[in-house]
N, C-alpha and C. Protein backbone atom coordinates (compact mmCIF):
# COMPACT_ATOMS: atom_id res chain seq x y z
N MET A 1 -7.63 -7.83 19.08
CA MET A 1 -6.35 -7.31 19.53
C MET A 1 -6.30 -5.82 19.20
N LYS A 2 -5.87 -5.05 20.17
CA LYS A 2 -5.73 -3.62 19.97
C LYS A 2 -4.40 -3.34 19.27
N ASP A 3 -4.34 -2.24 18.53
CA ASP A 3 -3.13 -1.90 17.79
C ASP A 3 -1.92 -1.68 18.69
N ASP A 4 -2.14 -1.17 19.90
CA ASP A 4 -1.03 -0.90 20.80
C ASP A 4 -0.72 -2.07 21.73
N GLU A 5 -1.41 -3.16 21.55
CA GLU A 5 -1.24 -4.34 22.39
C GLU A 5 -0.21 -5.27 21.77
N GLY A 6 0.66 -5.84 22.59
CA GLY A 6 1.66 -6.76 22.10
C GLY A 6 1.10 -8.16 21.90
N VAL A 7 1.81 -8.95 21.13
CA VAL A 7 1.39 -10.33 20.86
C VAL A 7 1.32 -11.12 22.16
N ASP A 8 2.30 -10.93 23.05
CA ASP A 8 2.30 -11.64 24.33
C ASP A 8 1.04 -11.35 25.15
N GLN A 9 0.70 -10.08 25.24
CA GLN A 9 -0.48 -9.69 26.01
C GLN A 9 -1.74 -10.32 25.43
N TYR A 10 -1.87 -10.27 24.14
CA TYR A 10 -3.06 -10.79 23.50
C TYR A 10 -3.13 -12.32 23.60
N ALA A 11 -1.99 -12.97 23.44
CA ALA A 11 -1.95 -14.43 23.57
C ALA A 11 -2.35 -14.85 24.98
N SER A 12 -1.96 -14.05 25.96
CA SER A 12 -2.35 -14.34 27.34
C SER A 12 -3.86 -14.28 27.50
N LYS A 13 -4.48 -13.31 26.87
CA LYS A 13 -5.94 -13.18 26.93
C LYS A 13 -6.62 -14.42 26.33
N ILE A 14 -6.10 -14.89 25.22
CA ILE A 14 -6.68 -16.07 24.59
C ILE A 14 -6.47 -17.31 25.47
N SER A 15 -5.30 -17.40 26.09
CA SER A 15 -5.03 -18.53 27.00
C SER A 15 -5.98 -18.52 28.19
N VAL A 16 -6.22 -17.34 28.75
CA VAL A 16 -7.15 -17.22 29.88
C VAL A 16 -8.55 -17.61 29.42
N MET A 17 -8.93 -17.19 28.23
CA MET A 17 -10.23 -17.55 27.68
C MET A 17 -10.36 -19.07 27.55
N SER A 18 -9.29 -19.72 27.14
CA SER A 18 -9.29 -21.17 27.00
C SER A 18 -9.49 -21.86 28.35
N VAL A 19 -8.83 -21.34 29.38
CA VAL A 19 -8.97 -21.91 30.72
C VAL A 19 -10.40 -21.73 31.22
N LYS A 20 -10.95 -20.55 31.04
CA LYS A 20 -12.32 -20.29 31.48
C LYS A 20 -13.30 -21.20 30.74
N TYR A 21 -13.07 -21.38 29.46
CA TYR A 21 -13.91 -22.25 28.65
C TYR A 21 -13.82 -23.69 29.16
N GLY A 22 -12.61 -24.11 29.51
CA GLY A 22 -12.41 -25.44 30.06
C GLY A 22 -13.11 -25.63 31.40
N ASN A 23 -13.10 -24.59 32.22
CA ASN A 23 -13.78 -24.65 33.50
C ASN A 23 -15.29 -24.80 33.35
N LEU A 24 -15.82 -24.40 32.22
CA LEU A 24 -17.24 -24.54 31.94
C LEU A 24 -17.57 -25.88 31.27
N GLY A 25 -16.54 -26.70 31.09
CA GLY A 25 -16.76 -28.03 30.53
C GLY A 25 -16.47 -28.15 29.05
N GLY A 26 -16.05 -27.08 28.42
CA GLY A 26 -15.73 -27.12 27.00
C GLY A 26 -14.26 -27.39 26.76
N ILE A 27 -13.94 -27.59 25.52
CA ILE A 27 -12.54 -27.82 25.13
C ILE A 27 -12.20 -26.84 24.02
N LEU A 28 -11.20 -26.04 24.26
CA LEU A 28 -10.71 -25.11 23.25
C LEU A 28 -9.29 -25.57 22.90
N ASP A 29 -9.18 -26.32 21.81
CA ASP A 29 -7.89 -26.90 21.45
C ASP A 29 -7.01 -25.90 20.72
N ASP A 30 -5.77 -26.34 20.42
CA ASP A 30 -4.81 -25.47 19.74
C ASP A 30 -5.35 -24.96 18.41
N GLN A 31 -6.01 -25.82 17.67
CA GLN A 31 -6.53 -25.42 16.37
C GLN A 31 -7.51 -24.25 16.50
N ALA A 32 -8.40 -24.31 17.47
CA ALA A 32 -9.37 -23.24 17.68
C ALA A 32 -8.69 -21.97 18.18
N MET A 33 -7.70 -22.13 19.04
CA MET A 33 -6.99 -20.96 19.57
C MET A 33 -6.16 -20.27 18.49
N VAL A 34 -5.53 -21.05 17.63
CA VAL A 34 -4.76 -20.47 16.52
C VAL A 34 -5.70 -19.73 15.57
N LYS A 35 -6.84 -20.32 15.27
CA LYS A 35 -7.81 -19.66 14.40
C LYS A 35 -8.27 -18.35 15.02
N LYS A 36 -8.57 -18.35 16.30
CA LYS A 36 -8.99 -17.13 17.00
C LYS A 36 -7.90 -16.08 16.93
N LEU A 37 -6.66 -16.49 17.17
CA LEU A 37 -5.53 -15.57 17.12
C LEU A 37 -5.38 -14.95 15.73
N PHE A 38 -5.35 -15.80 14.71
CA PHE A 38 -5.14 -15.31 13.35
C PHE A 38 -6.30 -14.47 12.83
N ASP A 39 -7.51 -14.77 13.26
CA ASP A 39 -8.68 -14.03 12.81
C ASP A 39 -8.82 -12.66 13.47
N THR A 40 -8.11 -12.43 14.56
CA THR A 40 -8.32 -11.21 15.33
C THR A 40 -7.10 -10.31 15.45
N VAL A 41 -5.98 -10.67 14.83
CA VAL A 41 -4.82 -9.78 14.89
C VAL A 41 -5.01 -8.61 13.94
N PRO A 42 -4.36 -7.47 14.22
CA PRO A 42 -4.47 -6.30 13.35
C PRO A 42 -3.91 -6.57 11.95
N ASP A 43 -4.26 -5.71 11.03
CA ASP A 43 -3.84 -5.86 9.63
C ASP A 43 -2.33 -5.87 9.45
N LYS A 44 -1.59 -5.27 10.37
CA LYS A 44 -0.13 -5.23 10.21
C LYS A 44 0.49 -6.63 10.26
N TYR A 45 -0.26 -7.61 10.76
CA TYR A 45 0.23 -9.00 10.83
C TYR A 45 -0.27 -9.86 9.67
N ILE A 46 -1.02 -9.29 8.76
CA ILE A 46 -1.69 -10.08 7.71
C ILE A 46 -0.68 -10.83 6.84
N THR A 47 0.47 -10.24 6.57
CA THR A 47 1.44 -10.92 5.71
C THR A 47 2.04 -12.13 6.39
N VAL A 48 2.35 -12.00 7.68
CA VAL A 48 2.94 -13.15 8.39
C VAL A 48 1.88 -14.23 8.61
N VAL A 49 0.65 -13.84 8.88
CA VAL A 49 -0.43 -14.82 9.04
C VAL A 49 -0.63 -15.58 7.72
N ALA A 50 -0.63 -14.85 6.62
CA ALA A 50 -0.79 -15.50 5.31
C ALA A 50 0.35 -16.48 5.04
N GLY A 51 1.56 -16.11 5.40
CA GLY A 51 2.71 -17.00 5.22
C GLY A 51 2.60 -18.26 6.06
N ILE A 52 2.19 -18.09 7.31
CA ILE A 52 2.03 -19.24 8.20
C ILE A 52 0.94 -20.16 7.66
N GLU A 53 -0.16 -19.57 7.23
CA GLU A 53 -1.27 -20.38 6.70
C GLU A 53 -0.86 -21.13 5.44
N GLN A 54 0.04 -20.54 4.66
CA GLN A 54 0.46 -21.17 3.42
C GLN A 54 1.44 -22.33 3.66
N PHE A 55 2.32 -22.18 4.64
CA PHE A 55 3.40 -23.14 4.80
C PHE A 55 3.23 -24.13 5.96
N PHE A 56 2.21 -23.95 6.78
CA PHE A 56 2.01 -24.85 7.92
C PHE A 56 0.63 -25.46 7.88
N ASP A 57 0.52 -26.65 8.40
CA ASP A 57 -0.77 -27.31 8.56
C ASP A 57 -1.41 -26.77 9.83
N LEU A 58 -2.42 -25.94 9.68
CA LEU A 58 -3.02 -25.28 10.84
C LEU A 58 -3.72 -26.26 11.78
N LYS A 59 -4.02 -27.45 11.29
CA LYS A 59 -4.62 -28.47 12.15
C LYS A 59 -3.61 -29.04 13.13
N LYS A 60 -2.32 -28.90 12.81
CA LYS A 60 -1.26 -29.44 13.65
C LYS A 60 -0.42 -28.35 14.32
N LEU A 61 -0.66 -27.10 13.97
CA LEU A 61 0.13 -25.99 14.52
C LEU A 61 -0.25 -25.74 15.98
N VAL A 62 0.74 -25.78 16.85
CA VAL A 62 0.53 -25.56 18.27
C VAL A 62 0.39 -24.06 18.52
N PHE A 63 -0.51 -23.69 19.43
CA PHE A 63 -0.77 -22.28 19.73
C PHE A 63 0.50 -21.52 20.07
N GLU A 64 1.35 -22.10 20.91
CA GLU A 64 2.58 -21.43 21.32
C GLU A 64 3.51 -21.17 20.14
N GLU A 65 3.52 -22.08 19.17
CA GLU A 65 4.35 -21.88 17.98
C GLU A 65 3.81 -20.73 17.14
N ALA A 66 2.50 -20.65 16.99
CA ALA A 66 1.89 -19.55 16.24
C ALA A 66 2.21 -18.22 16.92
N VAL A 67 2.09 -18.18 18.23
CA VAL A 67 2.41 -16.96 18.98
C VAL A 67 3.88 -16.61 18.80
N GLY A 68 4.75 -17.58 18.87
CA GLY A 68 6.18 -17.35 18.69
C GLY A 68 6.51 -16.77 17.33
N ARG A 69 5.85 -17.24 16.32
CA ARG A 69 6.11 -16.73 14.98
C ARG A 69 5.62 -15.28 14.84
N LEU A 70 4.47 -14.97 15.44
CA LEU A 70 3.99 -13.59 15.42
C LEU A 70 4.90 -12.68 16.24
N LYS A 71 5.40 -13.18 17.36
CA LYS A 71 6.32 -12.40 18.19
C LYS A 71 7.62 -12.12 17.44
N ALA A 72 8.13 -13.11 16.72
CA ALA A 72 9.35 -12.92 15.94
C ALA A 72 9.15 -11.82 14.90
N PHE A 73 8.00 -11.82 14.25
CA PHE A 73 7.68 -10.78 13.28
C PHE A 73 7.59 -9.42 13.97
N GLU A 74 6.90 -9.37 15.10
CA GLU A 74 6.74 -8.13 15.85
C GLU A 74 8.10 -7.55 16.25
N GLU A 75 8.98 -8.41 16.76
CA GLU A 75 10.31 -7.97 17.17
C GLU A 75 11.14 -7.49 15.98
N ARG A 76 11.01 -8.18 14.87
CA ARG A 76 11.76 -7.79 13.66
C ARG A 76 11.29 -6.42 13.17
N VAL A 77 10.00 -6.18 13.19
CA VAL A 77 9.47 -4.88 12.77
C VAL A 77 9.96 -3.78 13.71
N GLN A 78 9.97 -4.07 15.02
CA GLN A 78 10.45 -3.08 15.99
C GLN A 78 11.93 -2.76 15.79
N ARG A 79 12.73 -3.77 15.50
CA ARG A 79 14.16 -3.53 15.23
C ARG A 79 14.34 -2.70 13.97
N GLY A 80 13.53 -3.02 12.96
CA GLY A 80 13.63 -2.29 11.70
C GLY A 80 13.18 -0.84 11.83
N ALA A 81 12.31 -0.58 12.79
CA ALA A 81 11.80 0.78 12.99
C ALA A 81 12.71 1.57 13.94
N GLY A 82 13.82 0.97 14.35
CA GLY A 82 14.75 1.67 15.23
C GLY A 82 14.46 1.47 16.70
N GLY A 83 13.51 0.59 17.00
CA GLY A 83 13.19 0.30 18.40
C GLY A 83 14.12 -0.74 18.96
N ALA A 84 14.05 -0.95 20.26
CA ALA A 84 14.82 -1.95 21.02
C ALA A 84 16.07 -2.27 20.32
C-alpha cells in the first residue's frame, strides 16, 4: 500500500487479486486476505492493526470487517488533522 493510497483503494486491489487467483483455480479466503492487508499497510496503521490482532480472532475476521476498521481509523485521523 502506498502512503497516499486510501484503504478503500488498496482493499479493492486485494479483492481483484482474490478474484484473479480464483480464476486460476486457487482459493484466497478471508483469513489470507486479512493477513495480506495487515502485512502490507503503512506504519501509520500499525497501532490499529495491533489492536485488531489483539482483540479479534483473525481466523474468523471477515475481510470487509478488517477493511471497515482500518477505514474508521483513517477517517478519524483525517478528522483529527482538520480534514473532511
